[in-house]
Structures are given as C-alpha cells and as structure tokens.
Amino acid sequence: MPEIGLFPLGIVLLPTERVPLHIFEPRYRELVGDALETDGEFGLVFADDDGVREIGTLARVSDVLERFDDGRLNVVVDGGERFRVEALTRGRSFMTAEVVPLEDEEGEVDGEVAARAVGSFRALAALAGAEPPDPDELSPQLSFELAAQVELPHEAKQQLLESRLEGERLAIVADLLDDARLALMQTVELGERAKRNGSRTS
C-alpha cells in the first residue's frame, strides 16, 4: 500500500475537478512543496466538525498561480483517482497514511440515467447563461465530470465520492442539478419581481 501525504480541508475534490487553493500553513507548504519537486500527488480529504473522512481524492498541482516571499502559495490542483485511508502513519509534519484505490463495482450504466443527468446539466447551464463543453454521455466518469462544473454542497459531493456505482452517482447528480436549477429559477423570479415592484413605486 502506498503512503501519501494528506491535506484535510473543508472542501471535497472530485475526480476531473480543478480547484484553486491558498497554501499558508507551514506543514502544508511542505506537503505541496514536496509534490511540486517530485511531480507527485497528495491526498485531499474532507474534514469538518464530524472529523476527517476516510475516502478522498488524489490531487496534483497543475498550476502555481503565485508564490509569496513568506512561502505561501496560490495553486490550482486537479482531482485524480479516489482512495481509501487504510492506516495513518507518522514521521512528517503533515498527516500521512497508507491508502488503497477506491474502484467502482462492475455494473452497466442505464443510458436513460446518463441522458437525464446530461439533460439536467444542459438545462441548468442554459438558465445560468453558461456555455460549458458538451458532455460525453459515454464517459465512464460522466457523473464526476458533470458535478465538477457546478457548485454543490460538500456533503453531496462526498456522497458522490464514496459511491462505487456510476449509475447511482448519475441519478444523484441529476437530482442535484435539478435542485440547483429550481433554486436558480426562484432567484431569477425574485429578482424580476423586485424590479417590477421597484418600477411601480418609481
């Protein structure tokens, strides 16, 4: 089992997702510095009041946006493979662990489920006025590719990360995207109503 450095954070990194990070604590500057020197990866794991999760995502630094004189860094990381923490280890200033890959269980993906998830994604993008790349419905990581482009609750993203069935993840993503679209529609309607009310009183 490989040993990797862990970076507990209050965010969830999905496979295929790109996330900017501000690195300021000395131990994590060391962690990211090691990854940059070796072109290696570290593990990003979600941490909140309930503790640190055992399922995380390998992260690789794809861009260094800024280096500060005091050692702080602004970087962009890309989400890679998922892993499960098997045992915590010691010896470094940052948390380390032995990990194993978290692989999907075998199973066919229902084409209708994939089509529904893609349709929900396109509907949300259209409402938001965005023009994202057209999704590949045959991608084995379609659920992650769709979810990575939308702001979703951390707990929902962790649920996706821990699921080992692509069909199950696609159904979850479709529901999340529909919820996001409804919330955006309500926001738009409230804004338009406020404008109309304002014009009546002017």
C-alpha atoms as a PDB file:
ATOM      1  CA  MET A   1       0.000   0.000   0.000  1.00  0.00           C
ATOM      2  CA  PRO A   2       1.489   3.376  -0.957  1.00  0.00           C
ATOM      3  CA  GLU A   3       1.987   6.071   1.662  1.00  0.00           C
ATOM      4  CA  ILE A   4       0.877   9.587   0.772  1.00  0.00           C
ATOM      5  CA  GLY A   5       0.585  12.942   2.467  1.00  0.00           C
ATOM      6  CA  LEU A   6      -2.913  14.041   3.409  1.00  0.00           C
ATOM      7  CA  PHE A   7      -4.389  17.538   3.230  1.00  0.00           C
ATOM      8  CA  PRO A   8      -7.603  17.730   5.302  1.00  0.00           C
ATOM      9  CA  LEU A   9      -9.796  20.581   4.074  1.00  0.00           C
ATOM     10  CA  GLY A  10     -13.362  21.812   4.356  1.00  0.00           C
ATOM     11  CA  ILE A  11     -13.956  21.077   0.673  1.00  0.00           C
ATOM     12  CA  VAL A  12     -14.392  17.961  -1.453  1.00  0.00           C
ATOM     13  CA  LEU A  13     -12.288  17.473  -4.577  1.00  0.00           C
ATOM     14  CA  LEU A  14     -13.917  15.287  -7.226  1.00  0.00           C
ATOM     15  CA  PRO A  15     -12.061  13.360  -9.929  1.00  0.00           C
ATOM     16  CA  THR A  16     -11.629  15.638 -13.008  1.00  0.00           C
ATOM     17  CA  GLU A  17     -12.328  18.755 -10.883  1.00  0.00           C
ATOM     18  CA  ARG A  18      -9.972  21.755 -10.809  1.00  0.00           C
ATOM     19  CA  VAL A  19      -9.816  23.736  -7.563  1.00  0.00           C
ATOM     20  CA  PRO A  20      -7.718  26.766  -6.509  1.00  0.00           C
ATOM     21  CA  LEU A  21      -6.015  26.509  -3.110  1.00  0.00           C
ATOM     22  CA  HIS A  22      -4.244  29.049  -0.922  1.00  0.00           C
ATOM     23  CA  ILE A  23      -1.448  27.248   0.949  1.00  0.00           C
ATOM     24  CA  PHE A  24      -0.311  29.085   4.068  1.00  0.00           C
ATOM     25  CA  GLU A  25       0.309  26.663   6.958  1.00  0.00           C
ATOM     26  CA  PRO A  26       3.996  25.604   7.095  1.00  0.00           C
ATOM     27  CA  ARG A  27       3.202  21.862   7.175  1.00  0.00           C
ATOM     28  CA  TYR A  28       1.044  22.097   4.068  1.00  0.00           C
ATOM     29  CA  ARG A  29       3.566  24.325   2.317  1.00  0.00           C
ATOM     30  CA  GLU A  30       5.974  21.428   2.912  1.00  0.00           C
ATOM     31  CA  LEU A  31       3.428  18.909   1.605  1.00  0.00           C
ATOM     32  CA  VAL A  32       2.712  20.862  -1.575  1.00  0.00           C
ATOM     33  CA  GLY A  33       6.402  21.707  -1.992  1.00  0.00           C
ATOM     34  CA  ASP A  34       7.260  18.004  -1.961  1.00  0.00           C
ATOM     35  CA  ALA A  35       4.562  17.328  -4.557  1.00  0.00           C
ATOM     36  CA  LEU A  36       5.928  20.072  -6.798  1.00  0.00           C
ATOM     37  CA  GLU A  37       9.513  18.821  -6.500  1.00  0.00           C
ATOM     38  CA  THR A  38       8.606  15.241  -7.374  1.00  0.00           C
ATOM     39  CA  ASP A  39       5.681  15.985  -9.709  1.00  0.00           C
ATOM     40  CA  GLY A  40       3.746  13.781  -7.311  1.00  0.00           C
ATOM     41  CA  GLU A  41       0.320  13.689  -5.751  1.00  0.00           C
ATOM     42  CA  PHE A  42      -1.121  14.141  -2.296  1.00  0.00           C
ATOM     43  CA  GLY A  43      -4.472  13.176  -0.837  1.00  0.00           C
ATOM     44  CA  LEU A  44      -7.201  15.753  -0.281  1.00  0.00           C
ATOM     45  CA  VAL A  45      -9.741  14.593   2.310  1.00  0.00           C
ATOM     46  CA  PHE A  46     -12.886  16.355   3.504  1.00  0.00           C
ATOM     47  CA  ALA A  47     -12.745  17.476   7.141  1.00  0.00           C
ATOM     48  CA  ASP A  48     -15.464  19.159   9.190  1.00  0.00           C
ATOM     49  CA  ASP A  49     -16.860  19.062  12.732  1.00  0.00           C
ATOM     50  CA  ASP A  50     -17.539  15.339  12.293  1.00  0.00           C
ATOM     51  CA  GLY A  51     -13.866  14.612  11.621  1.00  0.00           C
ATOM     52  CA  VAL A  52     -11.750  13.595   8.637  1.00  0.00           C
ATOM     53  CA  ARG A  53     -13.298  11.266   6.054  1.00  0.00           C
ATOM     54  CA  GLU A  54     -11.507   8.090   5.016  1.00  0.00           C
ATOM     55  CA  ILE A  55     -12.426   8.426   1.327  1.00  0.00           C
ATOM     56  CA  GLY A  56     -10.509  11.135  -0.527  1.00  0.00           C
ATOM     57  CA  THR A  57      -9.089  12.145  -3.888  1.00  0.00           C
ATOM     58  CA  LEU A  58      -5.534  12.279  -5.164  1.00  0.00           C
ATOM     59  CA  ALA A  59      -4.588  15.846  -6.068  1.00  0.00           C
ATOM     60  CA  ARG A  60      -1.861  17.028  -8.423  1.00  0.00           C
ATOM     61  CA  VAL A  61      -0.736  20.657  -8.716  1.00  0.00           C
ATOM     62  CA  SER A  62      -1.411  21.749 -12.289  1.00  0.00           C
ATOM     63  CA  ASP A  63      -0.631  25.464 -11.924  1.00  0.00           C
ATOM     64  CA  VAL A  64       1.287  27.641  -9.493  1.00  0.00           C
ATOM     65  CA  LEU A  65      -0.508  30.969  -9.680  1.00  0.00           C
ATOM     66  CA  GLU A  66       1.566  32.933  -7.189  1.00  0.00           C
ATOM     67  CA  ARG A  67       4.486  32.453  -4.769  1.00  0.00           C
ATOM     68  CA  PHE A  68       4.771  34.840  -1.844  1.00  0.00           C
ATOM     69  CA  ASP A  69       8.002  35.880  -0.110  1.00  0.00           C
ATOM     70  CA  ASP A  70       6.862  34.261   3.149  1.00  0.00           C
ATOM     71  CA  GLY A  71       6.417  30.872   1.481  1.00  0.00           C
ATOM     72  CA  ARG A  72       2.664  30.988   0.891  1.00  0.00           C
ATOM     73  CA  LEU A  73       1.365  29.665  -2.418  1.00  0.00           C
ATOM     74  CA  ASN A  74      -1.676  30.051  -4.631  1.00  0.00           C
ATOM     75  CA  VAL A  75      -2.064  26.902  -6.711  1.00  0.00           C
ATOM     76  CA  VAL A  76      -4.599  25.002  -8.785  1.00  0.00           C
ATOM     77  CA  VAL A  77      -4.984  21.270  -8.205  1.00  0.00           C
ATOM     78  CA  ASP A  78      -6.583  18.632 -10.413  1.00  0.00           C
ATOM     79  CA  GLY A  79      -8.604  15.773  -8.936  1.00  0.00           C
ATOM     80  CA  GLY A  80      -7.375  12.300  -9.826  1.00  0.00           C
ATOM     81  CA  GLU A  81      -8.190   8.826  -8.543  1.00  0.00           C
ATOM     82  CA  ARG A  82     -10.149   8.135  -5.374  1.00  0.00           C
ATOM     83  CA  PHE A  83      -8.619   6.324  -2.411  1.00  0.00           C
ATOM     84  CA  ARG A  84      -9.487   4.875   0.983  1.00  0.00           C
ATOM     85  CA  VAL A  85      -7.308   5.513   4.034  1.00  0.00           C
ATOM     86  CA  GLU A  86      -6.227   2.172   5.483  1.00  0.00           C
ATOM     87  CA  ALA A  87      -3.907   3.357   8.263  1.00  0.00           C
ATOM     88  CA  LEU A  88      -2.490   6.664   9.432  1.00  0.00           C
ATOM     89  CA  THR A  89       1.318   6.858   9.593  1.00  0.00           C
ATOM     90  CA  ARG A  90       3.835   9.160  11.254  1.00  0.00           C
ATOM     91  CA  GLY A  91       7.129  10.811  10.538  1.00  0.00           C
ATOM     92  CA  ARG A  92       6.263  14.044   8.754  1.00  0.00           C
ATOM     93  CA  SER A  93       4.991  17.429   9.888  1.00  0.00           C
ATOM     94  CA  PHE A  94       1.770  16.795   7.939  1.00  0.00           C
ATOM     95  CA  MET A  95      -0.660  13.879   8.167  1.00  0.00           C
ATOM     96  CA  THR A  96       0.326  10.791   6.191  1.00  0.00           C
ATOM     97  CA  ALA A  97      -1.436   7.498   5.552  1.00  0.00           C
ATOM     98  CA  GLU A  98      -1.300   4.188   3.764  1.00  0.00           C
ATOM     99  CA  VAL A  99      -4.059   4.174   1.164  1.00  0.00           C
ATOM    100  CA  VAL A 100      -5.661   1.842  -1.361  1.00  0.00           C
ATOM    101  CA  PRO A 101      -7.501   2.797  -4.569  1.00  0.00           C
ATOM    102  CA  LEU A 102     -11.292   3.023  -4.386  1.00  0.00           C
ATOM    103  CA  GLU A 103     -12.552   1.395  -7.552  1.00  0.00           C
ATOM    104  CA  ASP A 104     -16.082   1.158  -8.915  1.00  0.00           C
ATOM    105  CA  GLU A 105     -18.066  -2.048  -8.722  1.00  0.00           C
ATOM    106  CA  GLU A 106     -18.939  -3.633 -12.041  1.00  0.00           C
ATOM    107  CA  GLY A 107     -22.316  -2.738 -13.462  1.00  0.00           C
ATOM    108  CA  GLU A 108     -23.996  -1.446 -16.577  1.00  0.00           C
ATOM    109  CA  VAL A 109     -24.994   2.211 -16.699  1.00  0.00           C
ATOM    110  CA  ASP A 110     -28.564   2.813 -17.850  1.00  0.00           C
ATOM    111  CA  GLY A 111     -28.418   5.079 -20.887  1.00  0.00           C
ATOM    112  CA  GLU A 112     -31.597   6.842 -19.773  1.00  0.00           C
ATOM    113  CA  VAL A 113     -29.995   7.765 -16.449  1.00  0.00           C
ATOM    114  CA  ALA A 114     -26.974   9.200 -18.235  1.00  0.00           C
ATOM    115  CA  ALA A 115     -29.202  11.107 -20.676  1.00  0.00           C
ATOM    116  CA  ARG A 116     -31.249  12.517 -17.797  1.00  0.00           C
ATOM    117  CA  ALA A 117     -28.130  13.732 -15.986  1.00  0.00           C
ATOM    118  CA  VAL A 118     -26.796  15.371 -19.151  1.00  0.00           C
ATOM    119  CA  GLY A 119     -30.203  16.935 -19.836  1.00  0.00           C
ATOM    120  CA  SER A 120     -30.344  18.359 -16.300  1.00  0.00           C
ATOM    121  CA  PHE A 121     -26.843  19.744 -16.733  1.00  0.00           C
ATOM    122  CA  ARG A 122     -27.684  21.415 -20.040  1.00  0.00           C
ATOM    123  CA  ALA A 123     -30.894  22.899 -18.628  1.00  0.00           C
ATOM    124  CA  LEU A 124     -29.013  24.396 -15.669  1.00  0.00           C
ATOM    125  CA  ALA A 125     -26.267  25.759 -17.919  1.00  0.00           C
ATOM    126  CA  ALA A 126     -28.806  27.349 -20.246  1.00  0.00           C
ATOM    127  CA  LEU A 127     -30.643  29.014 -17.357  1.00  0.00           C
ATOM    128  CA  ALA A 128     -27.348  30.311 -15.970  1.00  0.00           C
ATOM    129  CA  GLY A 129     -26.305  31.632 -19.396  1.00  0.00           C
ATOM    130  CA  ALA A 130     -23.199  29.414 -19.404  1.00  0.00           C
ATOM    131  CA  GLU A 131     -21.729  27.551 -22.360  1.00  0.00           C
ATOM    132  CA  PRO A 132     -19.753  24.595 -20.954  1.00  0.00           C
ATOM    133  CA  PRO A 133     -18.189  21.916 -23.180  1.00  0.00           C
ATOM    134  CA  ASP A 134     -20.709  19.364 -24.422  1.00  0.00           C
ATOM    135  CA  PRO A 135     -20.628  16.328 -22.081  1.00  0.00           C
ATOM    136  CA  ASP A 136     -19.648  12.885 -23.364  1.00  0.00           C
ATOM    137  CA  GLU A 137     -22.530  10.598 -22.341  1.00  0.00           C
ATOM    138  CA  LEU A 138     -20.284   7.537 -22.783  1.00  0.00           C
ATOM    139  CA  SER A 139     -17.571   8.742 -20.409  1.00  0.00           C
ATOM    140  CA  PRO A 140     -17.011   6.299 -17.505  1.00  0.00           C
ATOM    141  CA  GLN A 141     -16.589   9.334 -15.231  1.00  0.00           C
ATOM    142  CA  LEU A 142     -19.568  11.315 -16.545  1.00  0.00           C
ATOM    143  CA  SER A 143     -21.040  11.811 -13.063  1.00  0.00           C
ATOM    144  CA  PHE A 144     -17.843  13.421 -11.789  1.00  0.00           C
ATOM    145  CA  GLU A 145     -17.358  15.479 -14.947  1.00  0.00           C
ATOM    146  CA  LEU A 146     -20.837  16.986 -14.608  1.00  0.00           C
ATOM    147  CA  ALA A 147     -20.693  17.544 -10.848  1.00  0.00           C
ATOM    148  CA  ALA A 148     -17.235  19.114 -11.072  1.00  0.00           C
ATOM    149  CA  GLN A 149     -18.621  22.023 -13.093  1.00  0.00           C
ATOM    150  CA  VAL A 150     -21.336  23.020 -10.602  1.00  0.00           C
ATOM    151  CA  GLU A 151     -21.277  24.401  -7.058  1.00  0.00           C
ATOM    152  CA  LEU A 152     -22.711  21.613  -4.922  1.00  0.00           C
ATOM    153  CA  PRO A 153     -22.945  21.068  -1.139  1.00  0.00           C
ATOM    154  CA  HIS A 154     -19.835  19.433   0.321  1.00  0.00           C
ATOM    155  CA  GLU A 155     -21.832  16.587   1.852  1.00  0.00           C
ATOM    156  CA  ALA A 156     -23.415  15.787  -1.513  1.00  0.00           C
ATOM    157  CA  LYS A 157     -20.019  15.761  -3.211  1.00  0.00           C
ATOM    158  CA  GLN A 158     -18.650  13.431  -0.523  1.00  0.00           C
ATOM    159  CA  GLN A 159     -21.605  11.117  -1.149  1.00  0.00           C
ATOM    160  CA  LEU A 160     -20.676  11.031  -4.833  1.00  0.00           C
ATOM    161  CA  LEU A 161     -17.045  10.388  -3.957  1.00  0.00           C
ATOM    162  CA  GLU A 162     -17.928   7.398  -1.777  1.00  0.00           C
ATOM    163  CA  SER A 163     -20.365   5.796  -4.241  1.00  0.00           C
ATOM    164  CA  ARG A 164     -18.887   2.902  -6.198  1.00  0.00           C
ATOM    165  CA  LEU A 165     -21.610   2.714  -8.844  1.00  0.00           C
ATOM    166  CA  GLU A 166     -21.599   5.144 -11.771  1.00  0.00           C
ATOM    167  CA  GLY A 167     -25.321   4.651 -12.366  1.00  0.00           C
ATOM    168  CA  GLU A 168     -26.077   5.545  -8.757  1.00  0.00           C
ATOM    169  CA  ARG A 169     -23.881   8.650  -8.983  1.00  0.00           C
ATOM    170  CA  LEU A 170     -25.560   9.787 -12.196  1.00  0.00           C
ATOM    171  CA  ALA A 171     -29.004   9.554 -10.578  1.00  0.00           C
ATOM    172  CA  ILE A 172     -27.750  11.583  -7.599  1.00  0.00           C
ATOM    173  CA  VAL A 173     -26.171  14.174  -9.896  1.00  0.00           C
ATOM    174  CA  ALA A 174     -29.365  14.536 -11.939  1.00  0.00           C
ATOM    175  CA  ASP A 175     -31.353  15.247  -8.760  1.00  0.00           C
ATOM    176  CA  LEU A 176     -28.741  17.719  -7.505  1.00  0.00           C
ATOM    177  CA  LEU A 177     -28.685  19.561 -10.822  1.00  0.00           C
ATOM    178  CA  ASP A 178     -32.489  19.731 -10.905  1.00  0.00           C
ATOM    179  CA  ASP A 179     -32.484  21.159  -7.371  1.00  0.00           C
ATOM    180  CA  ALA A 180     -29.862  23.727  -8.367  1.00  0.00           C
ATOM    181  CA  ARG A 181     -31.901  24.736 -11.426  1.00  0.00           C
ATOM    182  CA  LEU A 182     -35.062  25.194  -9.341  1.00  0.00           C
ATOM    183  CA  ALA A 183     -33.161  27.303  -6.807  1.00  0.00           C
ATOM    184  CA  LEU A 184     -31.731  29.446  -9.605  1.00  0.00           C
ATOM    185  CA  MET A 185     -35.199  29.850 -11.165  1.00  0.00           C
ATOM    186  CA  GLN A 186     -36.558  31.067  -7.846  1.00  0.00           C
ATOM    187  CA  THR A 187     -33.688  33.529  -7.520  1.00  0.00           C
ATOM    188  CA  VAL A 188     -34.307  34.861 -11.031  1.00  0.00           C
ATOM    189  CA  GLU A 189     -38.051  35.178 -10.385  1.00  0.00           C
ATOM    190  CA  LEU A 190     -37.464  37.030  -7.114  1.00  0.00           C
ATOM    191  CA  GLY A 191     -35.088  39.405  -8.858  1.00  0.00           C
ATOM    192  CA  GLU A 192     -37.578  40.109 -11.641  1.00  0.00           C
ATOM    193  CA  ARG A 193     -40.379  40.606  -9.117  1.00  0.00           C
ATOM    194  CA  ALA A 194     -38.250  43.064  -7.174  1.00  0.00           C
ATOM    195  CA  LYS A 195     -37.548  45.003 -10.369  1.00  0.00           C
ATOM    196  CA  ARG A 196     -41.261  45.155 -11.210  1.00  0.00           C
ATOM    197  CA  ASN A 197     -42.136  46.308  -7.718  1.00  0.00           C
ATOM    198  CA  GLY A 198     -39.427  48.926  -7.893  1.00  0.00           C
ATOM    199  CA  SER A 199     -40.717  50.243 -11.213  1.00  0.00           C
ATOM    200  CA  ARG A 200     -44.252  50.567  -9.844  1.00  0.00           C
ATOM    201  CA  THR A 201     -43.129  52.739  -6.959  1.00  0.00           C
ATOM    202  CA  SER A 202     -40.853  54.942  -9.026  1.00  0.00           C
END
